[in-house]
Amino acid sequence: MRRAPLRLNALTVAKMIRYLQEVPSNVYELAECCGLTPPTVRRFVLAMEKERAIRIVGWEKDSIGRYVTKVYAFGEGKNVPKPRPDVSINERRRMRAARKRQMGLQAALAGSSHRERETEGVR
C-alpha cells in the first residue's frame, strides 16, 4: 500500500540534507528516503543546486544506456559534466547516413505529394 506523500517541512528538508551528506543520491532515492514525490524533491534539489548547496557528482545510465539521471552530493564544488554517449565513430557515421537517407525520403515524398496537388488543380 502506498503512503500519502508528506508535506515539505523542516523535518523532511533535514532528512534530505542528512541523506545527501551521507550518500550521493539521485532524485528518486531522495524521494524514497523522505516520503515525498520525485517532482517535489526535484524542485527542492534544483533550488539547492542553484544556490550551490549541492553539486552533481555523477551520472547514471537509463535502460537504453543514456546518461540522464544526475547524482547529487551535499557541499560546494564543481559539477561533473555529463559524459559523452558511448558510441563509436563507425556507429555515428552509420546513424548520420541513416538520418540523411530518411531526410531525403521525406523530401521526396513531400515533393511528390506537392506535385500531385499541382496536377490536380490543372485538370
PDB file of N, CA and C in Angstrom:
ATOM      1  N   MET A   1       0.841  -1.178   0.000  1.00  0.00           N
ATOM      2  CA  MET A   1       0.000   0.000   0.000  1.00  0.00           C
ATOM      3  C   MET A   1       0.888   1.243   0.000  1.00  0.00           C
ATOM      4  N   ARG A   2       0.567   2.164  -0.867  1.00  0.00           N
ATOM      5  CA  ARG A   2       1.357   3.379  -0.995  1.00  0.00           C
ATOM      6  C   ARG A   2       0.892   4.421   0.014  1.00  0.00           C
ATOM      7  N   ARG A   3       1.878   5.008   0.685  1.00  0.00           N
ATOM      8  CA  ARG A   3       1.550   6.054   1.650  1.00  0.00           C
ATOM      9  C   ARG A   3       1.268   7.364   0.947  1.00  0.00           C
ATOM     10  N   ALA A   4       0.494   8.202   1.579  1.00  0.00           N
ATOM     11  CA  ALA A   4       0.262   9.549   1.055  1.00  0.00           C
ATOM     12  C   ALA A   4       1.557  10.346   1.197  1.00  0.00           C
ATOM     13  N   PRO A   5       1.915  11.144   0.191  1.00  0.00           N
ATOM     14  CA  PRO A   5       3.156  11.910   0.280  1.00  0.00           C
ATOM     15  C   PRO A   5       3.122  12.898   1.444  1.00  0.00           C
ATOM     16  N   LEU A   6       4.263  13.076   2.070  1.00  0.00           N
ATOM     17  CA  LEU A   6       4.378  14.015   3.181  1.00  0.00           C
ATOM     18  C   LEU A   6       4.510  15.429   2.652  1.00  0.00           C
ATOM     19  N   ARG A   7       4.221  16.379   3.486  1.00  0.00           N
ATOM     20  CA  ARG A   7       4.408  17.774   3.126  1.00  0.00           C
ATOM     21  C   ARG A   7       5.857  18.147   3.332  1.00  0.00           C
ATOM     22  N   LEU A   8       6.331  19.082   2.533  1.00  0.00           N
ATOM     23  CA  LEU A   8       7.697  19.560   2.665  1.00  0.00           C
ATOM     24  C   LEU A   8       7.757  20.489   3.874  1.00  0.00           C
ATOM     25  N   ASN A   9       8.414  20.034   4.936  1.00  0.00           N
ATOM     26  CA  ASN A   9       8.571  20.849   6.131  1.00  0.00           C
ATOM     27  C   ASN A   9      10.020  20.737   6.594  1.00  0.00           C
ATOM     28  N   ALA A  10      10.338  21.324   7.724  1.00  0.00           N
ATOM     29  CA  ALA A  10      11.716  21.358   8.205  1.00  0.00           C
ATOM     30  C   ALA A  10      12.285  19.952   8.424  1.00  0.00           C
ATOM     31  N   LEU A  11      11.457  19.023   8.876  1.00  0.00           N
ATOM     32  CA  LEU A  11      11.932  17.667   9.130  1.00  0.00           C
ATOM     33  C   LEU A  11      12.310  16.949   7.831  1.00  0.00           C
ATOM     34  N   THR A  12      11.483  17.081   6.799  1.00  0.00           N
ATOM     35  CA  THR A  12      11.814  16.417   5.541  1.00  0.00           C
ATOM     36  C   THR A  12      13.024  17.064   4.869  1.00  0.00           C
ATOM     37  N   VAL A  13      13.164  18.373   4.996  1.00  0.00           N
ATOM     38  CA  VAL A  13      14.352  19.056   4.470  1.00  0.00           C
ATOM     39  C   VAL A  13      15.599  18.561   5.198  1.00  0.00           C
ATOM     40  N   ALA A  14      15.507  18.444   6.503  1.00  0.00           N
ATOM     41  CA  ALA A  14      16.645  17.942   7.286  1.00  0.00           C
ATOM     42  C   ALA A  14      16.998  16.513   6.881  1.00  0.00           C
ATOM     43  N   LYS A  15      15.987  15.669   6.623  1.00  0.00           N
ATOM     44  CA  LYS A  15      16.243  14.294   6.176  1.00  0.00           C
ATOM     45  C   LYS A  15      16.981  14.276   4.846  1.00  0.00           C
ATOM     46  N   MET A  16      16.527  15.135   3.919  1.00  0.00           N
ATOM     47  CA  MET A  16      17.174  15.191   2.602  1.00  0.00           C
ATOM     48  C   MET A  16      18.629  15.630   2.712  1.00  0.00           C
ATOM     49  N   ILE A  17      18.864  16.673   3.490  1.00  0.00           N
ATOM     50  CA  ILE A  17      20.226  17.187   3.642  1.00  0.00           C
ATOM     51  C   ILE A  17      21.114  16.142   4.303  1.00  0.00           C
ATOM     52  N   ARG A  18      20.619  15.500   5.338  1.00  0.00           N
ATOM     53  CA  ARG A  18      21.408  14.475   6.025  1.00  0.00           C
ATOM     54  C   ARG A  18      21.719  13.309   5.082  1.00  0.00           C
ATOM     55  N   TYR A  19      20.725  12.882   4.312  1.00  0.00           N
ATOM     56  CA  TYR A  19      20.918  11.769   3.383  1.00  0.00           C
ATOM     57  C   TYR A  19      21.952  12.141   2.314  1.00  0.00           C
ATOM     58  N   LEU A  20      21.889  13.394   1.819  1.00  0.00           N
ATOM     59  CA  LEU A  20      22.863  13.834   0.823  1.00  0.00           C
ATOM     60  C   LEU A  20      24.276  13.942   1.404  1.00  0.00           C
ATOM     61  N   GLN A  21      24.390  14.260   2.687  1.00  0.00           N
ATOM     62  CA  GLN A  21      25.704  14.315   3.319  1.00  0.00           C
ATOM     63  C   GLN A  21      26.311  12.928   3.456  1.00  0.00           C
ATOM     64  N   GLU A  22      25.468  11.942   3.691  1.00  0.00           N
ATOM     65  CA  GLU A  22      25.958  10.579   3.908  1.00  0.00           C
ATOM     66  C   GLU A  22      26.200   9.821   2.606  1.00  0.00           C
ATOM     67  N   VAL A  23      25.270   9.924   1.666  1.00  0.00           N
ATOM     68  CA  VAL A  23      25.317   9.107   0.451  1.00  0.00           C
ATOM     69  C   VAL A  23      24.980   9.970  -0.763  1.00  0.00           C
ATOM     70  N   PRO A  24      25.823   9.986  -1.807  1.00  0.00           N
ATOM     71  CA  PRO A  24      25.402  10.655  -3.038  1.00  0.00           C
ATOM     72  C   PRO A  24      24.155   9.969  -3.585  1.00  0.00           C
ATOM     73  N   SER A  25      23.149  10.746  -3.967  1.00  0.00           N
ATOM     74  CA  SER A  25      21.850  10.182  -4.322  1.00  0.00           C
ATOM     75  C   SER A  25      21.238  10.900  -5.506  1.00  0.00           C
ATOM     76  N   ASN A  26      20.330  10.200  -6.182  1.00  0.00           N
ATOM     77  CA  ASN A  26      19.550  10.846  -7.237  1.00  0.00           C
ATOM     78  C   ASN A  26      18.198  11.249  -6.659  1.00  0.00           C
ATOM     79  N   VAL A  27      17.385  11.887  -7.474  1.00  0.00           N
ATOM     80  CA  VAL A  27      16.090  12.414  -7.024  1.00  0.00           C
ATOM     81  C   VAL A  27      15.181  11.299  -6.514  1.00  0.00           C
ATOM     82  N   TYR A  28      15.198  10.153  -7.196  1.00  0.00           N
ATOM     83  CA  TYR A  28      14.296   9.057  -6.817  1.00  0.00           C
ATOM     84  C   TYR A  28      14.677   8.445  -5.463  1.00  0.00           C
ATOM     85  N   GLU A  29      15.971   8.331  -5.198  1.00  0.00           N
ATOM     86  CA  GLU A  29      16.418   7.818  -3.891  1.00  0.00           C
ATOM     87  C   GLU A  29      16.059   8.793  -2.775  1.00  0.00           C
ATOM     88  N   LEU A  30      16.222  10.089  -3.051  1.00  0.00           N
ATOM     89  CA  LEU A  30      15.846  11.095  -2.050  1.00  0.00           C
ATOM     90  C   LEU A  30      14.340  11.072  -1.784  1.00  0.00           C
ATOM     91  N   ALA A  31      13.561  10.912  -2.829  1.00  0.00           N
ATOM     92  CA  ALA A  31      12.103  10.863  -2.659  1.00  0.00           C
ATOM     93  C   ALA A  31      11.713   9.669  -1.801  1.00  0.00           C
ATOM     94  N   GLU A  32      12.374   8.549  -2.025  1.00  0.00           N
ATOM     95  CA  GLU A  32      12.058   7.350  -1.243  1.00  0.00           C
ATOM     96  C   GLU A  32      12.453   7.511   0.219  1.00  0.00           C
ATOM     97  N   CYS A  33      13.609   8.114   0.475  1.00  0.00           N
ATOM     98  CA  CYS A  33      14.067   8.244   1.870  1.00  0.00           C
ATOM     99  C   CYS A  33      13.225   9.240   2.657  1.00  0.00           C
ATOM    100  N   CYS A  34      12.669  10.257   1.977  1.00  0.00           N
ATOM    101  CA  CYS A  34      11.945  11.313   2.682  1.00  0.00           C
ATOM    102  C   CYS A  34      10.434  11.161   2.630  1.00  0.00           C
ATOM    103  N   GLY A  35       9.939  10.278   1.767  1.00  0.00           N
ATOM    104  CA  GLY A  35       8.495  10.101   1.662  1.00  0.00           C
ATOM    105  C   GLY A  35       7.806  11.151   0.824  1.00  0.00           C
ATOM    106  N   LEU A  36       8.570  11.856  -0.022  1.00  0.00           N
ATOM    107  CA  LEU A  36       7.998  12.864  -0.912  1.00  0.00           C
ATOM    108  C   LEU A  36       7.914  12.304  -2.324  1.00  0.00           C
ATOM    109  N   THR A  37       7.228  13.011  -3.188  1.00  0.00           N
ATOM    110  CA  THR A  37       7.160  12.597  -4.581  1.00  0.00           C
ATOM    111  C   THR A  37       8.398  13.113  -5.327  1.00  0.00           C
ATOM    112  N   PRO A  38       8.836  12.414  -6.373  1.00  0.00           N
ATOM    113  CA  PRO A  38      10.007  12.872  -7.125  1.00  0.00           C
ATOM    114  C   PRO A  38       9.891  14.305  -7.668  1.00  0.00           C
ATOM    115  N   PRO A  39       8.734  14.754  -8.184  1.00  0.00           N
ATOM    116  CA  PRO A  39       8.669  16.147  -8.644  1.00  0.00           C
ATOM    117  C   PRO A  39       8.905  17.165  -7.519  1.00  0.00           C
ATOM    118  N   THR A  40       8.413  16.867  -6.319  1.00  0.00           N
ATOM    119  CA  THR A  40       8.631  17.770  -5.185  1.00  0.00           C
ATOM    120  C   THR A  40      10.111  17.813  -4.830  1.00  0.00           C
ATOM    121  N   VAL A  41      10.728  16.641  -4.782  1.00  0.00           N
ATOM    122  CA  VAL A  41      12.162  16.575  -4.457  1.00  0.00           C
ATOM    123  C   VAL A  41      12.973  17.267  -5.545  1.00  0.00           C
ATOM    124  N   ARG A  42      12.578  17.085  -6.809  1.00  0.00           N
ATOM    125  CA  ARG A  42      13.310  17.705  -7.923  1.00  0.00           C
ATOM    126  C   ARG A  42      13.297  19.224  -7.805  1.00  0.00           C
ATOM    127  N   ARG A  43      12.150  19.803  -7.453  1.00  0.00           N
ATOM    128  CA  ARG A  43      12.081  21.264  -7.276  1.00  0.00           C
ATOM    129  C   ARG A  43      13.016  21.718  -6.163  1.00  0.00           C
ATOM    130  N   PHE A  44      13.019  20.980  -5.065  1.00  0.00           N
ATOM    131  CA  PHE A  44      13.886  21.334  -3.942  1.00  0.00           C
ATOM    132  C   PHE A  44      15.352  21.203  -4.339  1.00  0.00           C
ATOM    133  N   VAL A  45      15.691  20.120  -5.017  1.00  0.00           N
ATOM    134  CA  VAL A  45      17.077  19.863  -5.422  1.00  0.00           C
ATOM    135  C   VAL A  45      17.555  20.941  -6.404  1.00  0.00           C
ATOM    136  N   LEU A  46      16.710  21.334  -7.350  1.00  0.00           N
ATOM    137  CA  LEU A  46      17.098  22.376  -8.300  1.00  0.00           C
ATOM    138  C   LEU A  46      17.345  23.707  -7.597  1.00  0.00           C
ATOM    139  N   ALA A  47      16.542  24.007  -6.582  1.00  0.00           N
ATOM    140  CA  ALA A  47      16.765  25.232  -5.808  1.00  0.00           C
ATOM    141  C   ALA A  47      18.081  25.153  -5.041  1.00  0.00           C
ATOM    142  N   MET A  48      18.350  23.991  -4.459  1.00  0.00           N
ATOM    143  CA  MET A  48      19.615  23.818  -3.719  1.00  0.00           C
ATOM    144  C   MET A  48      20.808  23.883  -4.679  1.00  0.00           C
ATOM    145  N   GLU A  49      20.640  23.332  -5.876  1.00  0.00           N
ATOM    146  CA  GLU A  49      21.722  23.368  -6.863  1.00  0.00           C
ATOM    147  C   GLU A  49      21.977  24.808  -7.320  1.00  0.00           C
ATOM    148  N   LYS A  50      20.907  25.563  -7.503  1.00  0.00           N
ATOM    149  CA  LYS A  50      21.039  26.956  -7.920  1.00  0.00           C
ATOM    150  C   LYS A  50      21.798  27.770  -6.874  1.00  0.00           C
ATOM    151  N   GLU A  51      21.569  27.469  -5.612  1.00  0.00           N
ATOM    152  CA  GLU A  51      22.249  28.171  -4.521  1.00  0.00           C
ATOM    153  C   GLU A  51      23.629  27.575  -4.216  1.00  0.00           C
ATOM    154  N   ARG A  52      24.023  26.572  -4.981  1.00  0.00           N
ATOM    155  CA  ARG A  52      25.328  25.894  -4.848  1.00  0.00           C
ATOM    156  C   ARG A  52      25.517  25.213  -3.497  1.00  0.00           C
ATOM    157  N   ALA A  53      24.421  24.741  -2.925  1.00  0.00           N
ATOM    158  CA  ALA A  53      24.496  23.990  -1.671  1.00  0.00           C
ATOM    159  C   ALA A  53      24.789  22.517  -1.956  1.00  0.00           C
ATOM    160  N   ILE A  54      24.371  22.055  -3.138  1.00  0.00           N
ATOM    161  CA  ILE A  54      24.674  20.686  -3.556  1.00  0.00           C
ATOM    162  C   ILE A  54      25.295  20.742  -4.942  1.00  0.00           C
ATOM    163  N   ARG A  55      25.905  19.639  -5.348  1.00  0.00           N
ATOM    164  CA  ARG A  55      26.543  19.599  -6.658  1.00  0.00           C
ATOM    165  C   ARG A  55      26.298  18.235  -7.302  1.00  0.00           C
ATOM    166  N   ILE A  56      26.487  18.171  -8.616  1.00  0.00           N
ATOM    167  CA  ILE A  56      26.367  16.911  -9.346  1.00  0.00           C
ATOM    168  C   ILE A  56      27.707  16.190  -9.247  1.00  0.00           C
ATOM    169  N   VAL A  57      27.662  14.972  -8.711  1.00  0.00           N
ATOM    170  CA  VAL A  57      28.902  14.201  -8.547  1.00  0.00           C
ATOM    171  C   VAL A  57      28.979  13.011  -9.497  1.00  0.00           C
ATOM    172  N   GLY A  58      27.928  12.798 -10.279  1.00  0.00           N
ATOM    173  CA  GLY A  58      27.956  11.692 -11.229  1.00  0.00           C
ATOM    174  C   GLY A  58      26.672  11.628 -12.034  1.00  0.00           C
ATOM    175  N   TRP A  59      26.660  10.692 -12.983  1.00  0.00           N
ATOM    176  CA  TRP A  59      25.504  10.474 -13.843  1.00  0.00           C
ATOM    177  C   TRP A  59      25.234   8.988 -13.908  1.00  0.00           C
ATOM    178  N   GLU A  60      23.955   8.611 -13.921  1.00  0.00           N
ATOM    179  CA  GLU A  60      23.563   7.205 -14.043  1.00  0.00           C
ATOM    180  C   GLU A  60      22.908   6.997 -15.396  1.00  0.00           C
ATOM    181  N   LYS A  61      23.090   5.806 -15.948  1.00  0.00           N
ATOM    182  CA  LYS A  61      22.501   5.474 -17.241  1.00  0.00           C
ATOM    183  C   LYS A  61      21.083   4.951 -17.064  1.00  0.00           C
ATOM    184  N   ASP A  62      20.271   5.173 -18.086  1.00  0.00           N
ATOM    185  CA  ASP A  62      18.935   4.581 -18.092  1.00  0.00           C
ATOM    186  C   ASP A  62      19.008   3.213 -18.776  1.00  0.00           C
ATOM    187  N   SER A  63      17.865   2.602 -19.027  1.00  0.00           N
ATOM    188  CA  SER A  63      17.839   1.250 -19.585  1.00  0.00           C
ATOM    189  C   SER A  63      18.389   1.191 -21.011  1.00  0.00           C
ATOM    190  N   ILE A  64      18.384   2.308 -21.716  1.00  0.00           N
ATOM    191  CA  ILE A  64      18.893   2.342 -23.081  1.00  0.00           C
ATOM    192  C   ILE A  64      20.389   2.623 -23.106  1.00  0.00           C
ATOM    193  N   GLY A  65      20.920   3.152 -22.018  1.00  0.00           N
ATOM    194  CA  GLY A  65      22.343   3.458 -21.947  1.00  0.00           C
ATOM    195  C   GLY A  65      22.662   4.939 -22.032  1.00  0.00           C
ATOM    196  N   ARG A  66      21.630   5.788 -21.952  1.00  0.00           N
ATOM    197  CA  ARG A  66      21.857   7.228 -21.981  1.00  0.00           C
ATOM    198  C   ARG A  66      22.102   7.735 -20.564  1.00  0.00           C
ATOM    199  N   TYR A  67      22.976   8.720 -20.438  1.00  0.00           N
ATOM    200  CA  TYR A  67      23.231   9.338 -19.132  1.00  0.00           C
ATOM    201  C   TYR A  67      22.167  10.409 -18.904  1.00  0.00           C
ATOM    202  N   VAL A  68      21.175  10.110 -18.080  1.00  0.00           N
ATOM    203  CA  VAL A  68      20.084  11.063 -17.866  1.00  0.00           C
ATOM    204  C   VAL A  68      19.833  11.393 -16.397  1.00  0.00           C
ATOM    205  N   THR A  69      20.253  10.546 -15.485  1.00  0.00           N
ATOM    206  CA  THR A  69      19.941  10.754 -14.073  1.00  0.00           C
ATOM    207  C   THR A  69      21.141  11.357 -13.359  1.00  0.00           C
ATOM    208  N   LYS A  70      20.944  12.535 -12.781  1.00  0.00           N
ATOM    209  CA  LYS A  70      22.010  13.208 -12.039  1.00  0.00           C
ATOM    210  C   LYS A  70      22.121  12.606 -10.644  1.00  0.00           C
ATOM    211  N   VAL A  71      23.359  12.494 -10.153  1.00  0.00           N
ATOM    212  CA  VAL A  71      23.618  12.037  -8.786  1.00  0.00           C
ATOM    213  C   VAL A  71      24.183  13.239  -8.033  1.00  0.00           C
ATOM    214  N   TYR A  72      23.520  13.591  -6.930  1.00  0.00           N
ATOM    215  CA  TYR A  72      23.873  14.786  -6.170  1.00  0.00           C
ATOM    216  C   TYR A  72      24.576  14.423  -4.864  1.00  0.00           C
ATOM    217  N   ALA A  73      25.403  15.363  -4.385  1.00  0.00           N
ATOM    218  CA  ALA A  73      26.019  15.260  -3.065  1.00  0.00           C
ATOM    219  C   ALA A  73      25.985  16.649  -2.433  1.00  0.00           C
ATOM    220  N   PHE A  74      26.002  16.679  -1.123  1.00  0.00           N
ATOM    221  CA  PHE A  74      25.942  17.934  -0.387  1.00  0.00           C
ATOM    222  C   PHE A  74      27.324  18.575  -0.382  1.00  0.00           C
ATOM    223  N   GLY A  75      27.375  19.888  -0.497  1.00  0.00           N
ATOM    224  CA  GLY A  75      28.631  20.624  -0.420  1.00  0.00           C
ATOM    225  C   GLY A  75      28.932  21.361  -1.705  1.00  0.00           C
ATOM    226  N   GLU A  76      29.895  22.270  -1.610  1.00  0.00           N
ATOM    227  CA  GLU A  76      30.278  23.069  -2.763  1.00  0.00           C
ATOM    228  C   GLU A  76      31.278  22.322  -3.619  1.00  0.00           C
ATOM    229  N   GLY A  77      31.466  22.820  -4.805  1.00  0.00           N
ATOM    230  CA  GLY A  77      32.416  22.228  -5.732  1.00  0.00           C
ATOM    231  C   GLY A  77      31.885  22.311  -7.144  1.00  0.00           C
ATOM    232  N   LYS A  78      32.700  21.832  -8.079  1.00  0.00           N
ATOM    233  CA  LYS A  78      32.287  21.848  -9.477  1.00  0.00           C
ATOM    234  C   LYS A  78      31.390  20.660  -9.780  1.00  0.00           C
ATOM    235  N   ASN A  79      30.431  20.888 -10.668  1.00  0.00           N
ATOM    236  CA  ASN A  79      29.575  19.810 -11.134  1.00  0.00           C
ATOM    237  C   ASN A  79      30.345  18.933 -12.117  1.00  0.00           C
ATOM    238  N   VAL A  80      30.095  17.640 -12.052  1.00  0.00           N
ATOM    239  CA  VAL A  80      30.692  16.715 -13.013  1.00  0.00           C
ATOM    240  C   VAL A  80      29.933  16.875 -14.325  1.00  0.00           C
ATOM    241  N   PRO A  81      30.635  17.123 -15.442  1.00  0.00           N
ATOM    242  CA  PRO A  81      29.918  17.283 -16.705  1.00  0.00           C
ATOM    243  C   PRO A  81      29.276  15.976 -17.167  1.00  0.00           C
ATOM    244  N   LYS A  82      28.243  16.111 -17.957  1.00  0.00           N
ATOM    245  CA  LYS A  82      27.553  14.940 -18.491  1.00  0.00           C
ATOM    246  C   LYS A  82      28.490  14.222 -19.466  1.00  0.00           C
ATOM    247  N   PRO A  83      28.681  12.904 -19.293  1.00  0.00           N
ATOM    248  CA  PRO A  83      29.576  12.174 -20.197  1.00  0.00           C
ATOM    249  C   PRO A  83      29.011  12.107 -21.611  1.00  0.00           C
ATOM    250  N   ARG A  84      29.923  11.994 -22.540  1.00  0.00           N
ATOM    251  CA  ARG A  84      29.510  11.818 -23.932  1.00  0.00           C
ATOM    252  C   ARG A  84      28.940  10.420 -24.106  1.00  0.00           C
ATOM    253  N   PRO A  85      28.049  10.243 -25.061  1.00  0.00           N
ATOM    254  CA  PRO A  85      27.489   8.910 -25.292  1.00  0.00           C
ATOM    255  C   PRO A  85      28.572   7.915 -25.691  1.00  0.00           C
ATOM    256  N   ASP A  86      28.373   6.657 -25.325  1.00  0.00           N
ATOM    257  CA  ASP A  86      29.321   5.605 -25.664  1.00  0.00           C
ATOM    258  C   ASP A  86      29.003   5.082 -27.060  1.00  0.00           C
ATOM    259  N   VAL A  87      29.337   5.877 -28.070  1.00  0.00           N
ATOM    260  CA  VAL A  87      29.055   5.487 -29.441  1.00  0.00           C
ATOM    261  C   VAL A  87      30.351   5.579 -30.236  1.00  0.00           C
ATOM    262  N   SER A  88      30.677   4.541 -30.964  1.00  0.00           N
ATOM    263  CA  SER A  88      31.908   4.529 -31.743  1.00  0.00           C
ATOM    264  C   SER A  88      31.773   5.445 -32.959  1.00  0.00           C
ATOM    265  N   ILE A  89      32.898   5.750 -33.591  1.00  0.00           N
ATOM    266  CA  ILE A  89      32.905   6.612 -34.769  1.00  0.00           C
ATOM    267  C   ILE A  89      32.103   5.968 -35.898  1.00  0.00           C
ATOM    268  N   ASN A  90      32.283   4.671 -36.086  1.00  0.00           N
ATOM    269  CA  ASN A  90      31.544   3.986 -37.152  1.00  0.00           C
ATOM    270  C   ASN A  90      30.039   4.026 -36.904  1.00  0.00           C
ATOM    271  N   GLU A  91      29.638   3.872 -35.661  1.00  0.00           N
ATOM    272  CA  GLU A  91      28.217   3.926 -35.325  1.00  0.00           C
ATOM    273  C   GLU A  91      27.661   5.317 -35.607  1.00  0.00           C
ATOM    274  N   ARG A  92      28.423   6.368 -35.277  1.00  0.00           N
ATOM    275  CA  ARG A  92      27.974   7.731 -35.559  1.00  0.00           C
ATOM    276  C   ARG A  92      27.828   7.961 -37.058  1.00  0.00           C
ATOM    277  N   ARG A  93      28.800   7.457 -37.846  1.00  0.00           N
ATOM    278  CA  ARG A  93      28.710   7.602 -39.303  1.00  0.00           C
ATOM    279  C   ARG A  93      27.481   6.891 -39.841  1.00  0.00           C
ATOM    280  N   ARG A  94      27.214   5.689 -39.337  1.00  0.00           N
ATOM    281  CA  ARG A  94      26.060   4.930 -39.790  1.00  0.00           C
ATOM    282  C   ARG A  94      24.762   5.662 -39.455  1.00  0.00           C
ATOM    283  N   MET A  95      24.685   6.206 -38.231  1.00  0.00           N
ATOM    284  CA  MET A  95      23.490   6.929 -37.811  1.00  0.00           C
ATOM    285  C   MET A  95      23.296   8.199 -38.647  1.00  0.00           C
ATOM    286  N   ARG A  96      24.388   8.919 -38.924  1.00  0.00           N
ATOM    287  CA  ARG A  96      24.311  10.137 -39.725  1.00  0.00           C
ATOM    288  C   ARG A  96      23.824   9.825 -41.143  1.00  0.00           C
ATOM    289  N   ALA A  97      24.361   8.734 -41.742  1.00  0.00           N
ATOM    290  CA  ALA A  97      23.934   8.337 -43.088  1.00  0.00           C
ATOM    291  C   ALA A  97      22.460   7.941 -43.098  1.00  0.00           C
ATOM    292  N   ALA A  98      22.013   7.235 -42.072  1.00  0.00           N
ATOM    293  CA  ALA A  98      20.611   6.834 -41.995  1.00  0.00           C
ATOM    294  C   ALA A  98      19.709   8.062 -41.883  1.00  0.00           C
ATOM    295  N   ARG A  99      20.118   9.073 -41.107  1.00  0.00           N
ATOM    296  CA  ARG A  99      19.338  10.298 -40.985  1.00  0.00           C
ATOM    297  C   ARG A  99      19.242  11.029 -42.321  1.00  0.00           C
ATOM    298  N   LYS A 100      20.373  11.077 -43.060  1.00  0.00           N
ATOM    299  CA  LYS A 100      20.368  11.739 -44.365  1.00  0.00           C
ATOM    300  C   LYS A 100      19.436  11.016 -45.330  1.00  0.00           C
ATOM    301  N   ARG A 101      19.481   9.681 -45.312  1.00  0.00           N
ATOM    302  CA  ARG A 101      18.588   8.909 -46.174  1.00  0.00           C
ATOM    303  C   ARG A 101      17.130   9.192 -45.827  1.00  0.00           C
ATOM    304  N   GLN A 102      16.842   9.219 -44.532  1.00  0.00           N
ATOM    305  CA  GLN A 102      15.468   9.455 -44.098  1.00  0.00           C
ATOM    306  C   GLN A 102      15.006  10.855 -44.498  1.00  0.00           C
ATOM    307  N   MET A 103      15.881  11.840 -44.346  1.00  0.00           N
ATOM    308  CA  MET A 103      15.517  13.206 -44.732  1.00  0.00           C
ATOM    309  C   MET A 103      15.297  13.297 -46.233  1.00  0.00           C
ATOM    310  N   GLY A 104      16.103  12.575 -47.014  1.00  0.00           N
ATOM    311  CA  GLY A 104      15.929  12.558 -48.456  1.00  0.00           C
ATOM    312  C   GLY A 104      14.606  11.926 -48.848  1.00  0.00           C
ATOM    313  N   LEU A 105      14.246  10.838 -48.173  1.00  0.00           N
ATOM    314  CA  LEU A 105      12.968  10.183 -48.449  1.00  0.00           C
ATOM    315  C   LEU A 105      11.796  11.091 -48.092  1.00  0.00           C
ATOM    316  N   GLN A 106      11.906  11.775 -46.962  1.00  0.00           N
ATOM    317  CA  GLN A 106      10.827  12.675 -46.555  1.00  0.00           C
ATOM    318  C   GLN A 106      10.676  13.820 -47.546  1.00  0.00           C
ATOM    319  N   ALA A 107      11.808  14.342 -48.029  1.00  0.00           N
ATOM    320  CA  ALA A 107      11.759  15.436 -49.003  1.00  0.00           C
ATOM    321  C   ALA A 107      11.158  14.945 -50.310  1.00  0.00           C
ATOM    322  N   ALA A 108      11.523  13.735 -50.719  1.00  0.00           N
ATOM    323  CA  ALA A 108      10.980  13.179 -51.963  1.00  0.00           C
ATOM    324  C   ALA A 108       9.482  12.962 -51.847  1.00  0.00           C
ATOM    325  N   LEU A 109       9.038  12.436 -50.705  1.00  0.00           N
ATOM    326  CA  LEU A 109       7.604  12.219 -50.504  1.00  0.00           C
ATOM    327  C   LEU A 109       6.840  13.532 -50.464  1.00  0.00           C
ATOM    328  N   ALA A 110       7.414  14.512 -49.803  1.00  0.00           N
ATOM    329  CA  ALA A 110       6.755  15.815 -49.729  1.00  0.00           C
ATOM    330  C   ALA A 110       6.686  16.446 -51.112  1.00  0.00           C
ATOM    331  N   GLY A 111       7.730  16.279 -51.900  1.00  0.00           N
ATOM    332  CA  GLY A 111       7.740  16.826 -53.263  1.00  0.00           C
ATOM    333  C   GLY A 111       6.728  16.140 -54.146  1.00  0.00           C
ATOM    334  N   SER A 112       6.593  14.822 -54.032  1.00  0.00           N
ATOM    335  CA  SER A 112       5.647  14.101 -54.892  1.00  0.00           C
ATOM    336  C   SER A 112       4.214  14.464 -54.540  1.00  0.00           C
ATOM    337  N   SER A 113       3.896  14.607 -53.283  1.00  0.00           N
ATOM    338  CA  SER A 113       2.524  14.970 -52.911  1.00  0.00           C
ATOM    339  C   SER A 113       2.220  16.398 -53.346  1.00  0.00           C
ATOM    340  N   HIS A 114       3.242  17.263 -53.343  1.00  0.00           N
ATOM    341  CA  HIS A 114       3.056  18.637 -53.782  1.00  0.00           C
ATOM    342  C   HIS A 114       2.784  18.662 -55.284  1.00  0.00           C
ATOM    343  N   ARG A 115       3.547  17.848 -56.042  1.00  0.00           N
ATOM    344  CA  ARG A 115       3.345  17.770 -57.492  1.00  0.00           C
ATOM    345  C   ARG A 115       1.954  17.217 -57.806  1.00  0.00           C
ATOM    346  N   GLU A 116       1.508  16.220 -57.046  1.00  0.00           N
ATOM    347  CA  GLU A 116       0.190  15.652 -57.279  1.00  0.00           C
ATOM    348  C   GLU A 116      -0.899  16.698 -57.087  1.00  0.00           C
ATOM    349  N   ARG A 117      -0.733  17.527 -56.058  1.00  0.00           N
ATOM    350  CA  ARG A 117      -1.721  18.575 -55.811  1.00  0.00           C
ATOM    351  C   ARG A 117      -1.724  19.592 -56.939  1.00  0.00           C
ATOM    352  N   GLU A 118      -0.552  19.905 -57.500  1.00  0.00           N
ATOM    353  CA  GLU A 118      -0.482  20.878 -58.592  1.00  0.00           C
ATOM    354  C   GLU A 118      -1.174  20.341 -59.841  1.00  0.00           C
ATOM    355  N   THR A 119      -0.940  19.022 -60.139  1.00  0.00           N
ATOM    356  CA  THR A 119      -1.557  18.453 -61.325  1.00  0.00           C
ATOM    357  C   THR A 119      -3.057  18.310 -61.164  1.00  0.00           C
ATOM    358  N   GLU A 120      -3.546  18.116 -59.971  1.00  0.00           N
ATOM    359  CA  GLU A 120      -4.996  18.024 -59.749  1.00  0.00           C
ATOM    360  C   GLU A 120      -5.672  19.348 -60.060  1.00  0.00           C
ATOM    361  N   GLY A 121      -4.993  20.455 -59.737  1.00  0.00           N
ATOM    362  CA  GLY A 121      -5.568  21.762 -59.994  1.00  0.00           C
ATOM    363  C   GLY A 121      -5.614  22.107 -61.491  1.00  0.00           C
ATOM    364  N   VAL A 122      -4.718  21.477 -62.296  1.00  0.00           N
ATOM    365  CA  VAL A 122      -4.637  21.774 -63.720  1.00  0.00           C
ATOM    366  C   VAL A 122      -5.778  21.140 -64.475  1.00  0.00           C
ATOM    367  N   ARG A 123      -6.265  20.018 -64.065  1.00  0.00           N
ATOM    368  CA  ARG A 123      -7.315  19.277 -64.765  1.00  0.00           C
ATOM    369  C   ARG A 123      -8.504  20.085 -64.968  1.00  0.00           C
TER     370      ARG A 123
END
